[in-house]
Amino acid sequence: MHKKMTITLDEAVYEGLYRRVGRRKMSQFIEDLLRPHVLDSSLDDGYRAMAADKAREAEAAEWGNALIRDMSDASR
């Protein structure tokens, strides 16, 4: 859900923002800049680190596939 907000910028800053990203993309540009400073990203960082661990990912895939096989065998 998005919230509408009114902000005040120096005219030169506004013009630079307009030239750089365009009128219809300013909100997303500002949100992308602010997000890492105002939201806790530690959970995202943790998931990113886990995904980078290839041995852990291989073990998790093996476990998941074994679980699917067990469930498939149990339904017969």
PDB file of N, CA and C in Angstrom:
ATOM      1  N   MET A   1       0.841  -1.174   0.000  1.00  0.00           N
ATOM      2  CA  MET A   1       0.000   0.000   0.000  1.00  0.00           C
ATOM      3  C   MET A   1       0.890   1.242   0.000  1.00  0.00           C
ATOM      4  N   HIS A   2       0.560   2.171  -0.817  1.00  0.00           N
ATOM      5  CA  HIS A   2       1.325   3.410  -0.896  1.00  0.00           C
ATOM      6  C   HIS A   2       0.597   4.532  -0.177  1.00  0.00           C
ATOM      7  N   LYS A   3       1.353   5.442   0.370  1.00  0.00           N
ATOM      8  CA  LYS A   3       0.829   6.649   1.008  1.00  0.00           C
ATOM      9  C   LYS A   3       1.300   7.850   0.209  1.00  0.00           C
ATOM     10  N   LYS A   4       0.447   8.837   0.081  1.00  0.00           N
ATOM     11  CA  LYS A   4       0.813  10.058  -0.635  1.00  0.00           C
ATOM     12  C   LYS A   4       1.443  11.028   0.351  1.00  0.00           C
ATOM     13  N   MET A   5       2.474  11.730  -0.116  1.00  0.00           N
ATOM     14  CA  MET A   5       3.216  12.640   0.743  1.00  0.00           C
ATOM     15  C   MET A   5       3.627  13.864  -0.083  1.00  0.00           C
ATOM     16  N   THR A   6       3.617  15.007   0.527  1.00  0.00           N
ATOM     17  CA  THR A   6       4.071  16.225  -0.135  1.00  0.00           C
ATOM     18  C   THR A   6       5.407  16.618   0.477  1.00  0.00           C
ATOM     19  N   ILE A   7       6.397  16.846  -0.378  1.00  0.00           N
ATOM     20  CA  ILE A   7       7.710  17.283   0.111  1.00  0.00           C
ATOM     21  C   ILE A   7       8.089  18.579  -0.601  1.00  0.00           C
ATOM     22  N   THR A   8       8.985  19.303   0.000  1.00  0.00           N
ATOM     23  CA  THR A   8       9.471  20.554  -0.577  1.00  0.00           C
ATOM     24  C   THR A   8      10.948  20.387  -0.915  1.00  0.00           C
ATOM     25  N   LEU A   9      11.310  20.725  -2.145  1.00  0.00           N
ATOM     26  CA  LEU A   9      12.693  20.634  -2.608  1.00  0.00           C
ATOM     27  C   LEU A   9      13.138  21.978  -3.162  1.00  0.00           C
ATOM     28  N   ASP A  10      14.412  22.214  -3.075  1.00  0.00           N
ATOM     29  CA  ASP A  10      14.998  23.364  -3.734  1.00  0.00           C
ATOM     30  C   ASP A  10      14.723  23.228  -5.234  1.00  0.00           C
ATOM     31  N   GLU A  11      14.479  24.326  -5.902  1.00  0.00           N
ATOM     32  CA  GLU A  11      14.135  24.295  -7.327  1.00  0.00           C
ATOM     33  C   GLU A  11      15.213  23.605  -8.163  1.00  0.00           C
ATOM     34  N   ALA A  12      16.470  23.872  -7.860  1.00  0.00           N
ATOM     35  CA  ALA A  12      17.558  23.253  -8.620  1.00  0.00           C
ATOM     36  C   ALA A  12      17.571  21.736  -8.417  1.00  0.00           C
ATOM     37  N   VAL A  13      17.286  21.302  -7.198  1.00  0.00           N
ATOM     38  CA  VAL A  13      17.235  19.861  -6.917  1.00  0.00           C
ATOM     39  C   VAL A  13      16.082  19.229  -7.687  1.00  0.00           C
ATOM     40  N   TYR A  14      14.930  19.880  -7.665  1.00  0.00           N
ATOM     41  CA  TYR A  14      13.768  19.365  -8.395  1.00  0.00           C
ATOM     42  C   TYR A  14      14.073  19.250  -9.892  1.00  0.00           C
ATOM     43  N   GLU A  15      14.652  20.287 -10.459  1.00  0.00           N
ATOM     44  CA  GLU A  15      14.979  20.272 -11.891  1.00  0.00           C
ATOM     45  C   GLU A  15      15.968  19.152 -12.222  1.00  0.00           C
ATOM     46  N   GLY A  16      16.962  18.967 -11.350  1.00  0.00           N
ATOM     47  CA  GLY A  16      17.920  17.881 -11.568  1.00  0.00           C
ATOM     48  C   GLY A  16      17.248  16.525 -11.480  1.00  0.00           C
ATOM     49  N   LEU A  17      16.357  16.364 -10.519  1.00  0.00           N
ATOM     50  CA  LEU A  17      15.609  15.113 -10.383  1.00  0.00           C
ATOM     51  C   LEU A  17      14.736  14.880 -11.604  1.00  0.00           C
ATOM     52  N   TYR A  18      14.089  15.907 -12.069  1.00  0.00           N
ATOM     53  CA  TYR A  18      13.232  15.816 -13.255  1.00  0.00           C
ATOM     54  C   TYR A  18      14.048  15.396 -14.479  1.00  0.00           C
ATOM     55  N   ARG A  19      15.212  16.015 -14.660  1.00  0.00           N
ATOM     56  CA  ARG A  19      16.075  15.669 -15.800  1.00  0.00           C
ATOM     57  C   ARG A  19      16.619  14.253 -15.682  1.00  0.00           C
ATOM     58  N   ARG A  20      16.981  13.849 -14.467  1.00  0.00           N
ATOM     59  CA  ARG A  20      17.630  12.556 -14.252  1.00  0.00           C
ATOM     60  C   ARG A  20      16.659  11.383 -14.397  1.00  0.00           C
ATOM     61  N   VAL A  21      15.482  11.475 -13.763  1.00  0.00           N
ATOM     62  CA  VAL A  21      14.595  10.304 -13.729  1.00  0.00           C
ATOM     63  C   VAL A  21      13.263  10.507 -14.430  1.00  0.00           C
ATOM     64  N   GLY A  22      12.878  11.733 -14.690  1.00  0.00           N
ATOM     65  CA  GLY A  22      11.602  11.984 -15.358  1.00  0.00           C
ATOM     66  C   GLY A  22      10.461  12.161 -14.371  1.00  0.00           C
ATOM     67  N   ARG A  23       9.410  12.791 -14.831  1.00  0.00           N
ATOM     68  CA  ARG A  23       8.289  13.174 -13.983  1.00  0.00           C
ATOM     69  C   ARG A  23       7.589  11.975 -13.334  1.00  0.00           C
ATOM     70  N   ARG A  24       7.317  10.941 -14.072  1.00  0.00           N
ATOM     71  CA  ARG A  24       6.532   9.816 -13.582  1.00  0.00           C
ATOM     72  C   ARG A  24       7.344   8.805 -12.768  1.00  0.00           C
ATOM     73  N   LYS A  25       8.639   9.010 -12.640  1.00  0.00           N
ATOM     74  CA  LYS A  25       9.479   8.044 -11.929  1.00  0.00           C
ATOM     75  C   LYS A  25      10.117   8.606 -10.666  1.00  0.00           C
ATOM     76  N   MET A  26       9.803   9.832 -10.311  1.00  0.00           N
ATOM     77  CA  MET A  26      10.423  10.480  -9.155  1.00  0.00           C
ATOM     78  C   MET A  26      10.123   9.756  -7.846  1.00  0.00           C
ATOM     79  N   SER A  27       8.882   9.383  -7.633  1.00  0.00           N
ATOM     80  CA  SER A  27       8.508   8.737  -6.375  1.00  0.00           C
ATOM     81  C   SER A  27       9.274   7.441  -6.169  1.00  0.00           C
ATOM     82  N   GLN A  28       9.345   6.619  -7.210  1.00  0.00           N
ATOM     83  CA  GLN A  28      10.047   5.338  -7.087  1.00  0.00           C
ATOM     84  C   GLN A  28      11.538   5.559  -6.854  1.00  0.00           C
ATOM     85  N   PHE A  29      12.107   6.548  -7.526  1.00  0.00           N
ATOM     86  CA  PHE A  29      13.519   6.866  -7.355  1.00  0.00           C
ATOM     87  C   PHE A  29      13.809   7.252  -5.901  1.00  0.00           C
ATOM     88  N   ILE A  30      12.970   8.127  -5.350  1.00  0.00           N
ATOM     89  CA  ILE A  30      13.158   8.572  -3.962  1.00  0.00           C
ATOM     90  C   ILE A  30      12.944   7.410  -2.995  1.00  0.00           C
ATOM     91  N   GLU A  31      11.924   6.585  -3.254  1.00  0.00           N
ATOM     92  CA  GLU A  31      11.678   5.432  -2.391  1.00  0.00           C
ATOM     93  C   GLU A  31      12.864   4.473  -2.404  1.00  0.00           C
ATOM     94  N   ASP A  32      13.412   4.213  -3.569  1.00  0.00           N
ATOM     95  CA  ASP A  32      14.572   3.317  -3.672  1.00  0.00           C
ATOM     96  C   ASP A  32      15.774   3.860  -2.903  1.00  0.00           C
ATOM     97  N   LEU A  33      15.948   5.182  -2.900  1.00  0.00           N
ATOM     98  CA  LEU A  33      17.043   5.791  -2.152  1.00  0.00           C
ATOM     99  C   LEU A  33      16.825   5.682  -0.643  1.00  0.00           C
ATOM    100  N   LEU A  34      15.590   5.870  -0.201  1.00  0.00           N
ATOM    101  CA  LEU A  34      15.294   5.897   1.229  1.00  0.00           C
ATOM    102  C   LEU A  34      15.186   4.515   1.862  1.00  0.00           C
ATOM    103  N   ARG A  35      14.696   3.544   1.114  1.00  0.00           N
ATOM    104  CA  ARG A  35      14.389   2.218   1.660  1.00  0.00           C
ATOM    105  C   ARG A  35      15.497   1.634   2.526  1.00  0.00           C
ATOM    106  N   PRO A  36      16.749   1.569   2.086  1.00  0.00           N
ATOM    107  CA  PRO A  36      17.770   0.944   2.934  1.00  0.00           C
ATOM    108  C   PRO A  36      18.061   1.723   4.219  1.00  0.00           C
ATOM    109  N   HIS A  37      17.675   2.989   4.258  1.00  0.00           N
ATOM    110  CA  HIS A  37      17.950   3.810   5.437  1.00  0.00           C
ATOM    111  C   HIS A  37      16.837   3.770   6.475  1.00  0.00           C
ATOM    112  N   VAL A  38      15.652   3.340   6.063  1.00  0.00           N
ATOM    113  CA  VAL A  38      14.528   3.382   6.988  1.00  0.00           C
ATOM    114  C   VAL A  38      13.911   2.022   7.297  1.00  0.00           C
ATOM    115  N   LEU A  39      14.262   0.991   6.547  1.00  0.00           N
ATOM    116  CA  LEU A  39      13.731  -0.347   6.795  1.00  0.00           C
ATOM    117  C   LEU A  39      14.841  -1.274   7.261  1.00  0.00           C
ATOM    118  N   ASP A  40      14.492  -2.187   8.144  1.00  0.00           N
ATOM    119  CA  ASP A  40      15.452  -3.164   8.631  1.00  0.00           C
ATOM    120  C   ASP A  40      15.657  -4.220   7.552  1.00  0.00           C
ATOM    121  N   SER A  41      16.832  -4.270   7.003  1.00  0.00           N
ATOM    122  CA  SER A  41      17.113  -5.210   5.917  1.00  0.00           C
ATOM    123  C   SER A  41      17.910  -6.422   6.392  1.00  0.00           C
ATOM    124  N   SER A  42      18.044  -6.605   7.704  1.00  0.00           N
ATOM    125  CA  SER A  42      18.858  -7.714   8.201  1.00  0.00           C
ATOM    126  C   SER A  42      18.288  -9.059   7.779  1.00  0.00           C
ATOM    127  N   LEU A  43      16.961  -9.192   7.716  1.00  0.00           N
ATOM    128  CA  LEU A  43      16.364 -10.447   7.275  1.00  0.00           C
ATOM    129  C   LEU A  43      16.704 -10.702   5.812  1.00  0.00           C
ATOM    130  N   ASP A  44      16.594  -9.679   4.980  1.00  0.00           N
ATOM    131  CA  ASP A  44      16.965  -9.810   3.574  1.00  0.00           C
ATOM    132  C   ASP A  44      18.430 -10.200   3.430  1.00  0.00           C
ATOM    133  N   ASP A  45      19.289  -9.572   4.213  1.00  0.00           N
ATOM    134  CA  ASP A  45      20.718  -9.885   4.168  1.00  0.00           C
ATOM    135  C   ASP A  45      20.970 -11.337   4.563  1.00  0.00           C
ATOM    136  N   GLY A  46      20.233 -11.817   5.556  1.00  0.00           N
ATOM    137  CA  GLY A  46      20.378 -13.204   5.996  1.00  0.00           C
ATOM    138  C   GLY A  46      19.967 -14.185   4.919  1.00  0.00           C
ATOM    139  N   TYR A  47      18.828 -13.929   4.271  1.00  0.00           N
ATOM    140  CA  TYR A  47      18.379 -14.809   3.187  1.00  0.00           C
ATOM    141  C   TYR A  47      19.361 -14.778   2.021  1.00  0.00           C
ATOM    142  N   ARG A  48      19.896 -13.608   1.727  1.00  0.00           N
ATOM    143  CA  ARG A  48      20.867 -13.484   0.642  1.00  0.00           C
ATOM    144  C   ARG A  48      22.121 -14.298   0.950  1.00  0.00           C
ATOM    145  N   ALA A  49      22.574 -14.254   2.193  1.00  0.00           N
ATOM    146  CA  ALA A  49      23.762 -15.015   2.598  1.00  0.00           C
ATOM    147  C   ALA A  49      23.484 -16.509   2.524  1.00  0.00           C
ATOM    148  N   MET A  50      22.292 -16.936   2.960  1.00  0.00           N
ATOM    149  CA  MET A  50      21.961 -18.360   2.886  1.00  0.00           C
ATOM    150  C   MET A  50      21.924 -18.837   1.436  1.00  0.00           C
ATOM    151  N   ALA A  51      21.346 -18.030   0.545  1.00  0.00           N
ATOM    152  CA  ALA A  51      21.260 -18.411  -0.864  1.00  0.00           C
ATOM    153  C   ALA A  51      22.635 -18.507  -1.502  1.00  0.00           C
ATOM    154  N   ALA A  52      23.586 -17.739  -1.015  1.00  0.00           N
ATOM    155  CA  ALA A  52      24.945 -17.764  -1.564  1.00  0.00           C
ATOM    156  C   ALA A  52      25.729 -18.990  -1.099  1.00  0.00           C
ATOM    157  N   ASP A  53      25.256 -19.652  -0.048  1.00  0.00           N
ATOM    158  CA  ASP A  53      25.929 -20.839   0.495  1.00  0.00           C
ATOM    159  C   ASP A  53      25.512 -22.050  -0.346  1.00  0.00           C
ATOM    160  N   LYS A  54      26.318 -22.409  -1.339  1.00  0.00           N
ATOM    161  CA  LYS A  54      25.972 -23.459  -2.302  1.00  0.00           C
ATOM    162  C   LYS A  54      25.814 -24.827  -1.639  1.00  0.00           C
ATOM    163  N   ALA A  55      26.664 -25.151  -0.669  1.00  0.00           N
ATOM    164  CA  ALA A  55      26.559 -26.442   0.015  1.00  0.00           C
ATOM    165  C   ALA A  55      25.240 -26.523   0.778  1.00  0.00           C
ATOM    166  N   ARG A  56      24.876 -25.468   1.456  1.00  0.00           N
ATOM    167  CA  ARG A  56      23.619 -25.434   2.198  1.00  0.00           C
ATOM    168  C   ARG A  56      22.429 -25.543   1.264  1.00  0.00           C
ATOM    169  N   GLU A  57      22.483 -24.857   0.138  1.00  0.00           N
ATOM    170  CA  GLU A  57      21.392 -24.912  -0.834  1.00  0.00           C
ATOM    171  C   GLU A  57      21.246 -26.315  -1.417  1.00  0.00           C
ATOM    172  N   ALA A  58      22.375 -26.980  -1.699  1.00  0.00           N
ATOM    173  CA  ALA A  58      22.322 -28.349  -2.230  1.00  0.00           C
ATOM    174  C   ALA A  58      21.711 -29.293  -1.201  1.00  0.00           C
ATOM    175  N   GLU A  59      22.091 -29.144   0.055  1.00  0.00           N
ATOM    176  CA  GLU A  59      21.534 -29.976   1.122  1.00  0.00           C
ATOM    177  C   GLU A  59      20.032 -29.723   1.281  1.00  0.00           C
ATOM    178  N   ALA A  60      19.620 -28.472   1.212  1.00  0.00           N
ATOM    179  CA  ALA A  60      18.203 -28.136   1.332  1.00  0.00           C
ATOM    180  C   ALA A  60      17.409 -28.715   0.163  1.00  0.00           C
ATOM    181  N   ALA A  61      17.951 -28.654  -1.042  1.00  0.00           N
ATOM    182  CA  ALA A  61      17.270 -29.217  -2.217  1.00  0.00           C
ATOM    183  C   ALA A  61      17.148 -30.730  -2.080  1.00  0.00           C
ATOM    184  N   GLU A  62      18.210 -31.371  -1.610  1.00  0.00           N
ATOM    185  CA  GLU A  62      18.180 -32.826  -1.409  1.00  0.00           C
ATOM    186  C   GLU A  62      17.109 -33.202  -0.381  1.00  0.00           C
ATOM    187  N   TRP A  63      17.062 -32.469   0.709  1.00  0.00           N
ATOM    188  CA  TRP A  63      16.069 -32.719   1.754  1.00  0.00           C
ATOM    189  C   TRP A  63      14.655 -32.528   1.205  1.00  0.00           C
ATOM    190  N   GLY A  64      14.436 -31.463   0.461  1.00  0.00           N
ATOM    191  CA  GLY A  64      13.122 -31.184  -0.114  1.00  0.00           C
ATOM    192  C   GLY A  64      12.687 -32.263  -1.094  1.00  0.00           C
ATOM    193  N   ASN A  65      13.610 -32.691  -1.945  1.00  0.00           N
ATOM    194  CA  ASN A  65      13.289 -33.751  -2.911  1.00  0.00           C
ATOM    195  C   ASN A  65      12.970 -35.061  -2.208  1.00  0.00           C
ATOM    196  N   ALA A  66      13.707 -35.393  -1.142  1.00  0.00           N
ATOM    197  CA  ALA A  66      13.440 -36.614  -0.379  1.00  0.00           C
ATOM    198  C   ALA A  66      12.062 -36.536   0.269  1.00  0.00           C
ATOM    199  N   LEU A  67      11.697 -35.378   0.775  1.00  0.00           N
ATOM    200  CA  LEU A  67      10.385 -35.200   1.386  1.00  0.00           C
ATOM    201  C   LEU A  67       9.275 -35.410   0.352  1.00  0.00           C
ATOM    202  N   ILE A  68       9.461 -34.869  -0.833  1.00  0.00           N
ATOM    203  CA  ILE A  68       8.475 -35.037  -1.908  1.00  0.00           C
ATOM    204  C   ILE A  68       8.354 -36.507  -2.286  1.00  0.00           C
ATOM    205  N   ARG A  69       9.493 -37.211  -2.387  1.00  0.00           N
ATOM    206  CA  ARG A  69       9.455 -38.646  -2.703  1.00  0.00           C
ATOM    207  C   ARG A  69       8.705 -39.414  -1.617  1.00  0.00           C
ATOM    208  N   ASP A  70       8.992 -39.098  -0.360  1.00  0.00           N
ATOM    209  CA  ASP A  70       8.314 -39.777   0.760  1.00  0.00           C
ATOM    210  C   ASP A  70       6.811 -39.540   0.708  1.00  0.00           C
ATOM    211  N   MET A  71       6.396 -38.339   0.426  1.00  0.00           N
ATOM    212  CA  MET A  71       4.974 -38.020   0.366  1.00  0.00           C
ATOM    213  C   MET A  71       4.317 -38.708  -0.819  1.00  0.00           C
ATOM    214  N   SER A  72       5.050 -38.796  -1.927  1.00  0.00           N
ATOM    215  CA  SER A  72       4.540 -39.464  -3.111  1.00  0.00           C
ATOM    216  C   SER A  72       4.375 -40.957  -2.855  1.00  0.00           C
ATOM    217  N   ASP A  73       5.350 -41.559  -2.192  1.00  0.00           N
ATOM    218  CA  ASP A  73       5.277 -42.991  -1.867  1.00  0.00           C
ATOM    219  C   ASP A  73       4.151 -43.268  -0.879  1.00  0.00           C
ATOM    220  N   ALA A  74       3.919 -42.366   0.046  1.00  0.00           N
ATOM    221  CA  ALA A  74       2.894 -42.560   1.076  1.00  0.00           C
ATOM    222  C   ALA A  74       1.482 -42.481   0.495  1.00  0.00           C
ATOM    223  N   SER A  75       1.325 -41.778  -0.623  1.00  0.00           N
ATOM    224  CA  SER A  75      -0.006 -41.623  -1.202  1.00  0.00           C
ATOM    225  C   SER A  75      -0.417 -42.798  -2.059  1.00  0.00           C
ATOM    226  N   ARG A  76       0.455 -43.757  -2.268  1.00  0.00           N
ATOM    227  CA  ARG A  76       0.137 -44.909  -3.125  1.00  0.00           C
ATOM    228  C   ARG A  76      -0.579 -45.965  -2.379  1.00  0.00           C
TER     229      ARG A  76
END
